[in-house]
Amino acid sequence: MKLIHHGRQHLKDNNMTYAQHWKFAVGHGLLCLEAGLFLIVHGFFPCFFQRAGSVLVRILNKSFDQHKKDIKKCK
């Protein structure tokens, strides 16, 4: 029961429905998987995907910063 409570509190803290949270989390997870594959290829062939890691970090940082701003607007 505690897990359900913590899950609901997390959704409330982030001002998201379950569906919104799922889309946000899964979308970021898939982005990380894609970047991970690019970085693996880059490890073997340094001439490919030279900016995959830094681009991923910038995208995630921008997305999470925007989400934090959106949460503040709603409170």
C-alpha atoms as a PDB file:
ATOM      1  CA  MET A   1       0.000   0.000   0.000  1.00  0.00           C
ATOM      2  CA  LYS A   2       2.920   2.324   0.692  1.00  0.00           C
ATOM      3  CA  LEU A   3       4.112   1.976  -2.895  1.00  0.00           C
ATOM      4  CA  ILE A   4       0.734   3.045  -4.230  1.00  0.00           C
ATOM      5  CA  HIS A   5       0.729   6.034  -1.887  1.00  0.00           C
ATOM      6  CA  HIS A   6       4.264   7.018  -2.939  1.00  0.00           C
ATOM      7  CA  GLY A   7       3.340   6.626  -6.583  1.00  0.00           C
ATOM      8  CA  ARG A   8       0.274   8.829  -6.216  1.00  0.00           C
ATOM      9  CA  GLN A   9       2.286  11.400  -4.278  1.00  0.00           C
ATOM     10  CA  HIS A  10       4.939  11.436  -7.006  1.00  0.00           C
ATOM     11  CA  LEU A  11       2.262  12.096  -9.635  1.00  0.00           C
ATOM     12  CA  LYS A  12       0.770  14.853  -7.477  1.00  0.00           C
ATOM     13  CA  ASP A  13       4.186  16.432  -6.826  1.00  0.00           C
ATOM     14  CA  ASN A  14       4.821  16.509 -10.568  1.00  0.00           C
ATOM     15  CA  ASN A  15       1.301  17.693 -11.446  1.00  0.00           C
ATOM     16  CA  MET A  16       0.769  14.795 -13.835  1.00  0.00           C
ATOM     17  CA  THR A  17      -1.798  12.146 -14.493  1.00  0.00           C
ATOM     18  CA  TYR A  18      -0.645   8.548 -14.756  1.00  0.00           C
ATOM     19  CA  ALA A  19      -0.882   8.742 -18.573  1.00  0.00           C
ATOM     20  CA  GLN A  20       1.094  11.996 -18.730  1.00  0.00           C
ATOM     21  CA  HIS A  21       3.765  10.565 -16.450  1.00  0.00           C
ATOM     22  CA  TRP A  22       3.932   7.365 -18.475  1.00  0.00           C
ATOM     23  CA  LYS A  23       4.398   9.299 -21.709  1.00  0.00           C
ATOM     24  CA  PHE A  24       7.052  11.561 -20.140  1.00  0.00           C
ATOM     25  CA  ALA A  25       9.020   8.733 -18.502  1.00  0.00           C
ATOM     26  CA  VAL A  26       8.791   6.229 -21.356  1.00  0.00           C
ATOM     27  CA  GLY A  27       9.622   8.924 -23.917  1.00  0.00           C
ATOM     28  CA  HIS A  28      12.758   9.873 -22.019  1.00  0.00           C
ATOM     29  CA  GLY A  29      13.655   6.225 -21.524  1.00  0.00           C
ATOM     30  CA  LEU A  30      13.400   5.529 -25.247  1.00  0.00           C
ATOM     31  CA  LEU A  31      15.503   8.609 -25.971  1.00  0.00           C
ATOM     32  CA  CYS A  32      18.155   7.288 -23.591  1.00  0.00           C
ATOM     33  CA  LEU A  33      18.088   3.861 -25.267  1.00  0.00           C
ATOM     34  CA  GLU A  34      18.519   5.463 -28.684  1.00  0.00           C
ATOM     35  CA  ALA A  35      21.414   7.591 -27.465  1.00  0.00           C
ATOM     36  CA  GLY A  36      22.891   4.529 -25.765  1.00  0.00           C
ATOM     37  CA  LEU A  37      22.946   2.651 -29.051  1.00  0.00           C
ATOM     38  CA  PHE A  38      24.564   5.631 -30.756  1.00  0.00           C
ATOM     39  CA  LEU A  39      27.187   5.800 -28.006  1.00  0.00           C
ATOM     40  CA  ILE A  40      27.940   2.086 -28.337  1.00  0.00           C
ATOM     41  CA  VAL A  41      28.500   2.540 -32.069  1.00  0.00           C
ATOM     42  CA  HIS A  42      30.592   5.629 -31.303  1.00  0.00           C
ATOM     43  CA  GLY A  43      32.718   3.557 -28.915  1.00  0.00           C
ATOM     44  CA  PHE A  44      33.680   1.212 -31.745  1.00  0.00           C
ATOM     45  CA  PHE A  45      33.751   3.826 -34.509  1.00  0.00           C
ATOM     46  CA  PRO A  46      34.684   7.236 -33.065  1.00  0.00           C
ATOM     47  CA  CYS A  47      33.906   8.961 -36.357  1.00  0.00           C
ATOM     48  CA  PHE A  48      30.168   8.280 -35.896  1.00  0.00           C
ATOM     49  CA  PHE A  49      27.729   9.980 -33.499  1.00  0.00           C
ATOM     50  CA  GLN A  50      30.386  12.178 -31.928  1.00  0.00           C
ATOM     51  CA  ARG A  51      27.821  14.370 -30.169  1.00  0.00           C
ATOM     52  CA  ALA A  52      25.242  11.746 -29.161  1.00  0.00           C
ATOM     53  CA  GLY A  53      26.014  11.957 -25.438  1.00  0.00           C
ATOM     54  CA  SER A  54      26.148  15.741 -25.190  1.00  0.00           C
ATOM     55  CA  VAL A  55      23.003  16.142 -27.300  1.00  0.00           C
ATOM     56  CA  LEU A  56      21.126  13.689 -25.061  1.00  0.00           C
ATOM     57  CA  VAL A  57      22.190  15.554 -21.923  1.00  0.00           C
ATOM     58  CA  ARG A  58      21.066  18.893 -23.407  1.00  0.00           C
ATOM     59  CA  ILE A  59      17.686  17.492 -24.496  1.00  0.00           C
ATOM     60  CA  LEU A  60      17.003  15.866 -21.125  1.00  0.00           C
ATOM     61  CA  ASN A  61      18.148  18.917 -19.188  1.00  0.00           C
ATOM     62  CA  LYS A  62      15.927  21.223 -21.240  1.00  0.00           C
ATOM     63  CA  SER A  63      12.948  18.895 -20.869  1.00  0.00           C
ATOM     64  CA  PHE A  64      13.292  18.519 -17.092  1.00  0.00           C
ATOM     65  CA  ASP A  65      13.915  22.261 -16.611  1.00  0.00           C
ATOM     66  CA  GLN A  66      10.771  23.047 -18.601  1.00  0.00           C
ATOM     67  CA  HIS A  67       8.783  20.531 -16.580  1.00  0.00           C
ATOM     68  CA  LYS A  68       9.977  22.138 -13.320  1.00  0.00           C
ATOM     69  CA  LYS A  69       8.888  25.549 -14.627  1.00  0.00           C
ATOM     70  CA  ASP A  70       5.488  24.138 -15.599  1.00  0.00           C
ATOM     71  CA  ILE A  71       5.022  22.656 -12.120  1.00  0.00           C
ATOM     72  CA  LYS A  72       5.811  26.015 -10.489  1.00  0.00           C
ATOM     73  CA  LYS A  73       3.241  27.764 -12.705  1.00  0.00           C
ATOM     74  CA  CYS A  74       0.511  25.360 -11.570  1.00  0.00           C
ATOM     75  CA  LYS A  75       1.164  25.735  -7.841  1.00  0.00           C
END
